[in-house]
Amino acid sequence: MKTTIVIADSLLERAKRHGRKTGRSLRALVEDGLQRVLDEERRVPAYRLPDRTVGDPGAPNPLTALTWQDLRDEIYGGR
């Protein structure tokens, strides 16, 4: 697929010099650069929420014994 991109003159000159030194085309350099950026993005781990649990890990949940009404009152202060 053909496309047009705007590249700063100084960066383009550096890329051309690098291409001449390494025997690679500008197209190959651009494709490799894009591939690296996209691969790096995949390697960034997904954000994990920190553990903010309260109480003993093995203890039973005291809220499971409550009815919906009792639970609502617990949350909203008995409104």
PDB file of N, CA and C in Angstrom:
ATOM      1  N   MET A   1       0.854  -1.168   0.000  1.00  0.00           N
ATOM      2  CA  MET A   1       0.000   0.000   0.000  1.00  0.00           C
ATOM      3  C   MET A   1       0.902   1.234   0.000  1.00  0.00           C
ATOM      4  N   LYS A   2       0.526   2.191  -0.788  1.00  0.00           N
ATOM      5  CA  LYS A   2       1.286   3.433  -0.826  1.00  0.00           C
ATOM      6  C   LYS A   2       0.626   4.443   0.092  1.00  0.00           C
ATOM      7  N   THR A   3       1.477   5.253   0.722  1.00  0.00           N
ATOM      8  CA  THR A   3       0.968   6.326   1.567  1.00  0.00           C
ATOM      9  C   THR A   3       1.990   7.451   1.575  1.00  0.00           C
ATOM     10  N   THR A   4       1.579   8.609   2.021  1.00  0.00           N
ATOM     11  CA  THR A   4       2.476   9.752   2.118  1.00  0.00           C
ATOM     12  C   THR A   4       2.642  10.094   3.585  1.00  0.00           C
ATOM     13  N   ILE A   5       3.888  10.281   4.004  1.00  0.00           N
ATOM     14  CA  ILE A   5       4.138  10.704   5.374  1.00  0.00           C
ATOM     15  C   ILE A   5       5.036  11.932   5.353  1.00  0.00           C
ATOM     16  N   VAL A   6       4.901  12.768   6.354  1.00  0.00           N
ATOM     17  CA  VAL A   6       5.737  13.955   6.477  1.00  0.00           C
ATOM     18  C   VAL A   6       6.774  13.662   7.550  1.00  0.00           C
ATOM     19  N   ILE A   7       8.044  13.774   7.178  1.00  0.00           N
ATOM     20  CA  ILE A   7       9.148  13.495   8.078  1.00  0.00           C
ATOM     21  C   ILE A   7      10.037  14.728   8.129  1.00  0.00           C
ATOM     22  N   ALA A   8      10.504  15.074   9.307  1.00  0.00           N
ATOM     23  CA  ALA A   8      11.416  16.212   9.452  1.00  0.00           C
ATOM     24  C   ALA A   8      12.642  15.984   8.570  1.00  0.00           C
ATOM     25  N   ASP A   9      13.110  17.053   7.926  1.00  0.00           N
ATOM     26  CA  ASP A   9      14.242  16.948   7.001  1.00  0.00           C
ATOM     27  C   ASP A   9      15.462  16.296   7.645  1.00  0.00           C
ATOM     28  N   SER A  10      15.787  16.716   8.865  1.00  0.00           N
ATOM     29  CA  SER A  10      16.986  16.173   9.519  1.00  0.00           C
ATOM     30  C   SER A  10      16.839  14.678   9.801  1.00  0.00           C
ATOM     31  N   LEU A  11      15.656  14.243  10.187  1.00  0.00           N
ATOM     32  CA  LEU A  11      15.424  12.823  10.440  1.00  0.00           C
ATOM     33  C   LEU A  11      15.486  12.028   9.143  1.00  0.00           C
ATOM     34  N   LEU A  12      14.937  12.575   8.092  1.00  0.00           N
ATOM     35  CA  LEU A  12      14.975  11.902   6.792  1.00  0.00           C
ATOM     36  C   LEU A  12      16.417  11.728   6.310  1.00  0.00           C
ATOM     37  N   GLU A  13      17.226  12.754   6.455  1.00  0.00           N
ATOM     38  CA  GLU A  13      18.634  12.660   6.037  1.00  0.00           C
ATOM     39  C   GLU A  13      19.374  11.606   6.854  1.00  0.00           C
ATOM     40  N   ARG A  14      19.127  11.583   8.164  1.00  0.00           N
ATOM     41  CA  ARG A  14      19.760  10.558   9.011  1.00  0.00           C
ATOM     42  C   ARG A  14      19.331   9.158   8.575  1.00  0.00           C
ATOM     43  N   ALA A  15      18.050   9.004   8.283  1.00  0.00           N
ATOM     44  CA  ALA A  15      17.536   7.701   7.863  1.00  0.00           C
ATOM     45  C   ALA A  15      18.156   7.275   6.531  1.00  0.00           C
ATOM     46  N   LYS A  16      18.283   8.199   5.608  1.00  0.00           N
ATOM     47  CA  LYS A  16      18.898   7.873   4.313  1.00  0.00           C
ATOM     48  C   LYS A  16      20.353   7.473   4.483  1.00  0.00           C
ATOM     49  N   ARG A  17      21.092   8.217   5.329  1.00  0.00           N
ATOM     50  CA  ARG A  17      22.498   7.864   5.580  1.00  0.00           C
ATOM     51  C   ARG A  17      22.600   6.475   6.201  1.00  0.00           C
ATOM     52  N   HIS A  18      21.730   6.206   7.169  1.00  0.00           N
ATOM     53  CA  HIS A  18      21.722   4.887   7.824  1.00  0.00           C
ATOM     54  C   HIS A  18      21.386   3.796   6.803  1.00  0.00           C
ATOM     55  N   GLY A  19      20.435   4.076   5.942  1.00  0.00           N
ATOM     56  CA  GLY A  19      20.064   3.113   4.910  1.00  0.00           C
ATOM     57  C   GLY A  19      21.216   2.806   3.962  1.00  0.00           C
ATOM     58  N   ARG A  20      21.936   3.852   3.587  1.00  0.00           N
ATOM     59  CA  ARG A  20      23.097   3.641   2.689  1.00  0.00           C
ATOM     60  C   ARG A  20      24.164   2.804   3.395  1.00  0.00           C
ATOM     61  N   LYS A  21      24.402   3.100   4.686  1.00  0.00           N
ATOM     62  CA  LYS A  21      25.422   2.347   5.432  1.00  0.00           C
ATOM     63  C   LYS A  21      25.052   0.884   5.594  1.00  0.00           C
ATOM     64  N   THR A  22      23.797   0.630   5.816  1.00  0.00           N
ATOM     65  CA  THR A  22      23.354  -0.743   6.114  1.00  0.00           C
ATOM     66  C   THR A  22      22.801  -1.468   4.899  1.00  0.00           C
ATOM     67  N   GLY A  23      22.685  -0.759   3.766  1.00  0.00           N
ATOM     68  CA  GLY A  23      22.172  -1.387   2.545  1.00  0.00           C
ATOM     69  C   GLY A  23      20.676  -1.655   2.596  1.00  0.00           C
ATOM     70  N   ARG A  24      19.966  -0.838   3.330  1.00  0.00           N
ATOM     71  CA  ARG A  24      18.515  -1.032   3.452  1.00  0.00           C
ATOM     72  C   ARG A  24      17.786   0.180   2.886  1.00  0.00           C
ATOM     73  N   SER A  25      16.623  -0.057   2.347  1.00  0.00           N
ATOM     74  CA  SER A  25      15.841   1.037   1.766  1.00  0.00           C
ATOM     75  C   SER A  25      15.134   1.828   2.866  1.00  0.00           C
ATOM     76  N   LEU A  26      14.739   3.034   2.500  1.00  0.00           N
ATOM     77  CA  LEU A  26      13.983   3.864   3.433  1.00  0.00           C
ATOM     78  C   LEU A  26      12.685   3.164   3.815  1.00  0.00           C
ATOM     79  N   ARG A  27      12.073   2.513   2.845  1.00  0.00           N
ATOM     80  CA  ARG A  27      10.840   1.779   3.110  1.00  0.00           C
ATOM     81  C   ARG A  27      11.065   0.720   4.187  1.00  0.00           C
ATOM     82  N   ALA A  28      12.163  -0.028   4.069  1.00  0.00           N
ATOM     83  CA  ALA A  28      12.460  -1.079   5.052  1.00  0.00           C
ATOM     84  C   ALA A  28      12.686  -0.474   6.432  1.00  0.00           C
ATOM     85  N   LEU A  29      13.393   0.658   6.477  1.00  0.00           N
ATOM     86  CA  LEU A  29      13.633   1.313   7.762  1.00  0.00           C
ATOM     87  C   LEU A  29      12.332   1.774   8.407  1.00  0.00           C
ATOM     88  N   VAL A  30      11.447   2.370   7.616  1.00  0.00           N
ATOM     89  CA  VAL A  30      10.162   2.845   8.145  1.00  0.00           C
ATOM     90  C   VAL A  30       9.324   1.663   8.625  1.00  0.00           C
ATOM     91  N   GLU A  31       9.271   0.597   7.840  1.00  0.00           N
ATOM     92  CA  GLU A  31       8.485  -0.575   8.241  1.00  0.00           C
ATOM     93  C   GLU A  31       9.038  -1.199   9.521  1.00  0.00           C
ATOM     94  N   ASP A  32      10.374  -1.316   9.608  1.00  0.00           N
ATOM     95  CA  ASP A  32      10.981  -1.879  10.816  1.00  0.00           C
ATOM     96  C   ASP A  32      10.698  -1.007  12.036  1.00  0.00           C
ATOM     97  N   GLY A  33      10.794   0.309  11.853  1.00  0.00           N
ATOM     98  CA  GLY A  33      10.518   1.220  12.964  1.00  0.00           C
ATOM     99  C   GLY A  33       9.077   1.107  13.446  1.00  0.00           C
ATOM    100  N   LEU A  34       8.143   1.057  12.507  1.00  0.00           N
ATOM    101  CA  LEU A  34       6.737   0.903  12.882  1.00  0.00           C
ATOM    102  C   LEU A  34       6.510  -0.433  13.587  1.00  0.00           C
ATOM    103  N   GLN A  35       7.132  -1.482  13.072  1.00  0.00           N
ATOM    104  CA  GLN A  35       6.975  -2.808  13.683  1.00  0.00           C
ATOM    105  C   GLN A  35       7.496  -2.811  15.109  1.00  0.00           C
ATOM    106  N   ARG A  36       8.640  -2.170  15.331  1.00  0.00           N
ATOM    107  CA  ARG A  36       9.210  -2.113  16.685  1.00  0.00           C
ATOM    108  C   ARG A  36       8.285  -1.384  17.647  1.00  0.00           C
ATOM    109  N   VAL A  37       7.747  -0.268  17.215  1.00  0.00           N
ATOM    110  CA  VAL A  37       6.839   0.495  18.086  1.00  0.00           C
ATOM    111  C   VAL A  37       5.610  -0.334  18.424  1.00  0.00           C
ATOM    112  N   LEU A  38       5.049  -0.994  17.441  1.00  0.00           N
ATOM    113  CA  LEU A  38       3.841  -1.792  17.675  1.00  0.00           C
ATOM    114  C   LEU A  38       4.136  -3.016  18.534  1.00  0.00           C
ATOM    115  N   ASP A  39       5.288  -3.648  18.335  1.00  0.00           N
ATOM    116  CA  ASP A  39       5.664  -4.796  19.168  1.00  0.00           C
ATOM    117  C   ASP A  39       5.909  -4.371  20.608  1.00  0.00           C
ATOM    118  N   GLU A  40       6.549  -3.228  20.783  1.00  0.00           N
ATOM    119  CA  GLU A  40       6.828  -2.722  22.132  1.00  0.00           C
ATOM    120  C   GLU A  40       5.527  -2.432  22.871  1.00  0.00           C
ATOM    121  N   GLU A  41       4.545  -1.924  22.163  1.00  0.00           N
ATOM    122  CA  GLU A  41       3.244  -1.625  22.764  1.00  0.00           C
ATOM    123  C   GLU A  41       2.611  -2.894  23.309  1.00  0.00           C
ATOM    124  N   ARG A  42       2.795  -4.002  22.604  1.00  0.00           N
ATOM    125  CA  ARG A  42       2.234  -5.281  23.040  1.00  0.00           C
ATOM    126  C   ARG A  42       2.915  -5.799  24.290  1.00  0.00           C
ATOM    127  N   ARG A  43       4.197  -5.451  24.471  1.00  0.00           N
ATOM    128  CA  ARG A  43       4.954  -5.948  25.609  1.00  0.00           C
ATOM    129  C   ARG A  43       4.638  -5.204  26.895  1.00  0.00           C
ATOM    130  N   VAL A  44       3.992  -4.042  26.804  1.00  0.00           N
ATOM    131  CA  VAL A  44       3.653  -3.292  28.008  1.00  0.00           C
ATOM    132  C   VAL A  44       2.561  -4.062  28.743  1.00  0.00           C
ATOM    133  N   PRO A  45       2.819  -4.463  29.980  1.00  0.00           N
ATOM    134  CA  PRO A  45       1.815  -5.252  30.696  1.00  0.00           C
ATOM    135  C   PRO A  45       0.565  -4.429  31.005  1.00  0.00           C
ATOM    136  N   ALA A  46      -0.551  -5.114  31.051  1.00  0.00           N
ATOM    137  CA  ALA A  46      -1.812  -4.453  31.387  1.00  0.00           C
ATOM    138  C   ALA A  46      -1.741  -3.962  32.828  1.00  0.00           C
ATOM    139  N   TYR A  47      -2.390  -2.858  33.087  1.00  0.00           N
ATOM    140  CA  TYR A  47      -2.395  -2.306  34.441  1.00  0.00           C
ATOM    141  C   TYR A  47      -3.157  -3.233  35.373  1.00  0.00           C
ATOM    142  N   ARG A  48      -2.564  -3.501  36.508  1.00  0.00           N
ATOM    143  CA  ARG A  48      -3.222  -4.321  37.523  1.00  0.00           C
ATOM    144  C   ARG A  48      -3.512  -3.447  38.720  1.00  0.00           C
ATOM    145  N   LEU A  49      -4.742  -3.507  39.190  1.00  0.00           N
ATOM    146  CA  LEU A  49      -5.103  -2.748  40.370  1.00  0.00           C
ATOM    147  C   LEU A  49      -4.353  -3.306  41.573  1.00  0.00           C
ATOM    148  N   PRO A  50      -3.868  -2.420  42.436  1.00  0.00           N
ATOM    149  CA  PRO A  50      -3.203  -2.922  43.633  1.00  0.00           C
ATOM    150  C   PRO A  50      -4.221  -3.587  44.565  1.00  0.00           C
ATOM    151  N   ASP A  51      -3.754  -4.553  45.323  1.00  0.00           N
ATOM    152  CA  ASP A  51      -4.618  -5.270  46.254  1.00  0.00           C
ATOM    153  C   ASP A  51      -4.955  -4.355  47.430  1.00  0.00           C
ATOM    154  N   ARG A  52      -6.203  -4.025  47.574  1.00  0.00           N
ATOM    155  CA  ARG A  52      -6.665  -3.154  48.665  1.00  0.00           C
ATOM    156  C   ARG A  52      -7.690  -3.879  49.534  1.00  0.00           C
ATOM    157  N   THR A  53      -7.549  -5.195  49.637  1.00  0.00           N
ATOM    158  CA  THR A  53      -8.504  -5.956  50.431  1.00  0.00           C
ATOM    159  C   THR A  53      -8.384  -5.589  51.901  1.00  0.00           C
ATOM    160  N   VAL A  54      -9.485  -5.768  52.599  1.00  0.00           N
ATOM    161  CA  VAL A  54      -9.557  -5.438  54.021  1.00  0.00           C
ATOM    162  C   VAL A  54      -9.920  -6.702  54.780  1.00  0.00           C
ATOM    163  N   GLY A  55      -9.336  -6.880  55.943  1.00  0.00           N
ATOM    164  CA  GLY A  55      -9.667  -8.028  56.773  1.00  0.00           C
ATOM    165  C   GLY A  55      -8.752  -9.203  56.519  1.00  0.00           C
ATOM    166  N   ASP A  56      -9.089 -10.308  57.163  1.00  0.00           N
ATOM    167  CA  ASP A  56      -8.292 -11.529  57.033  1.00  0.00           C
ATOM    168  C   ASP A  56      -8.656 -12.245  55.741  1.00  0.00           C
ATOM    169  N   PRO A  57      -7.661 -12.695  54.978  1.00  0.00           N
ATOM    170  CA  PRO A  57      -7.949 -13.372  53.709  1.00  0.00           C
ATOM    171  C   PRO A  57      -8.806 -14.621  53.857  1.00  0.00           C
ATOM    172  N   GLY A  58      -8.659 -15.369  54.936  1.00  0.00           N
ATOM    173  CA  GLY A  58      -9.407 -16.607  55.093  1.00  0.00           C
ATOM    174  C   GLY A  58     -10.719 -16.452  55.838  1.00  0.00           C
ATOM    175  N   ALA A  59     -10.972 -15.283  56.377  1.00  0.00           N
ATOM    176  CA  ALA A  59     -12.175 -15.074  57.195  1.00  0.00           C
ATOM    177  C   ALA A  59     -13.418 -15.016  56.313  1.00  0.00           C
ATOM    178  N   PRO A  60     -14.561 -15.460  56.848  1.00  0.00           N
ATOM    179  CA  PRO A  60     -15.796 -15.382  56.068  1.00  0.00           C
ATOM    180  C   PRO A  60     -16.222 -13.925  55.866  1.00  0.00           C
ATOM    181  N   ASN A  61     -16.908 -13.675  54.773  1.00  0.00           N
ATOM    182  CA  ASN A  61     -17.385 -12.338  54.455  1.00  0.00           C
ATOM    183  C   ASN A  61     -18.594 -12.027  55.339  1.00  0.00           C
ATOM    184  N   PRO A  62     -18.509 -11.015  56.201  1.00  0.00           N
ATOM    185  CA  PRO A  62     -19.623 -10.722  57.107  1.00  0.00           C
ATOM    186  C   PRO A  62     -20.855 -10.176  56.383  1.00  0.00           C
ATOM    187  N   LEU A  63     -20.697  -9.726  55.165  1.00  0.00           N
ATOM    188  CA  LEU A  63     -21.829  -9.146  54.440  1.00  0.00           C
ATOM    189  C   LEU A  63     -22.718 -10.198  53.785  1.00  0.00           C
ATOM    190  N   THR A  64     -22.235 -11.425  53.645  1.00  0.00           N
ATOM    191  CA  THR A  64     -23.043 -12.448  52.981  1.00  0.00           C
ATOM    192  C   THR A  64     -24.275 -12.833  53.795  1.00  0.00           C
ATOM    193  N   ALA A  65     -24.264 -12.601  55.095  1.00  0.00           N
ATOM    194  CA  ALA A  65     -25.417 -12.956  55.943  1.00  0.00           C
ATOM    195  C   ALA A  65     -26.506 -11.887  55.905  1.00  0.00           C
ATOM    196  N   LEU A  66     -26.214 -10.728  55.313  1.00  0.00           N
ATOM    197  CA  LEU A  66     -27.182  -9.626  55.312  1.00  0.00           C
ATOM    198  C   LEU A  66     -28.203  -9.773  54.188  1.00  0.00           C
ATOM    199  N   THR A  67     -29.408  -9.286  54.422  1.00  0.00           N
ATOM    200  CA  THR A  67     -30.416  -9.193  53.366  1.00  0.00           C
ATOM    201  C   THR A  67     -30.083  -7.975  52.518  1.00  0.00           C
ATOM    202  N   TRP A  68     -30.749  -7.858  51.373  1.00  0.00           N
ATOM    203  CA  TRP A  68     -30.523  -6.686  50.523  1.00  0.00           C
ATOM    204  C   TRP A  68     -30.857  -5.404  51.267  1.00  0.00           C
ATOM    205  N   GLN A  69     -31.906  -5.422  52.029  1.00  0.00           N
ATOM    206  CA  GLN A  69     -32.299  -4.234  52.787  1.00  0.00           C
ATOM    207  C   GLN A  69     -31.231  -3.887  53.826  1.00  0.00           C
ATOM    208  N   ASP A  70     -30.747  -4.910  54.553  1.00  0.00           N
ATOM    209  CA  ASP A  70     -29.699  -4.668  55.545  1.00  0.00           C
ATOM    210  C   ASP A  70     -28.414  -4.174  54.879  1.00  0.00           C
ATOM    211  N   LEU A  71     -28.097  -4.743  53.740  1.00  0.00           N
ATOM    212  CA  LEU A  71     -26.902  -4.338  53.007  1.00  0.00           C
ATOM    213  C   LEU A  71     -27.026  -2.895  52.526  1.00  0.00           C
ATOM    214  N   ARG A  72     -28.202  -2.538  52.021  1.00  0.00           N
ATOM    215  CA  ARG A  72     -28.444  -1.151  51.595  1.00  0.00           C
ATOM    216  C   ARG A  72     -28.314  -0.199  52.774  1.00  0.00           C
ATOM    217  N   ASP A  73     -28.871  -0.584  53.894  1.00  0.00           N
ATOM    218  CA  ASP A  73     -28.766   0.254  55.090  1.00  0.00           C
ATOM    219  C   ASP A  73     -27.313   0.395  55.534  1.00  0.00           C
ATOM    220  N   GLU A  74     -26.545  -0.687  55.398  1.00  0.00           N
ATOM    221  CA  GLU A  74     -25.128  -0.660  55.765  1.00  0.00           C
ATOM    222  C   GLU A  74     -24.372   0.316  54.867  1.00  0.00           C
ATOM    223  N   ILE A  75     -24.691   0.279  53.563  1.00  0.00           N
ATOM    224  CA  ILE A  75     -23.992   1.135  52.609  1.00  0.00           C
ATOM    225  C   ILE A  75     -24.411   2.590  52.752  1.00  0.00           C
ATOM    226  N   TYR A  76     -25.707   2.842  52.829  1.00  0.00           N
ATOM    227  CA  TYR A  76     -26.218   4.206  52.824  1.00  0.00           C
ATOM    228  C   TYR A  76     -26.512   4.761  54.219  1.00  0.00           C
ATOM    229  N   GLY A  77     -26.178   4.051  55.223  1.00  0.00           N
ATOM    230  CA  GLY A  77     -26.350   4.581  56.578  1.00  0.00           C
ATOM    231  C   GLY A  77     -27.794   4.573  57.072  1.00  0.00           C
ATOM    232  N   GLY A  78     -28.606   3.657  56.614  1.00  0.00           N
ATOM    233  CA  GLY A  78     -29.965   3.514  57.125  1.00  0.00           C
ATOM    234  C   GLY A  78     -30.945   4.552  56.629  1.00  0.00           C
ATOM    235  N   ARG A  79     -30.727   5.093  55.451  1.00  0.00           N
ATOM    236  CA  ARG A  79     -31.648   6.101  54.891  1.00  0.00           C
ATOM    237  C   ARG A  79     -32.970   5.493  54.549  1.00  0.00           C
TER     238      ARG A  79
END
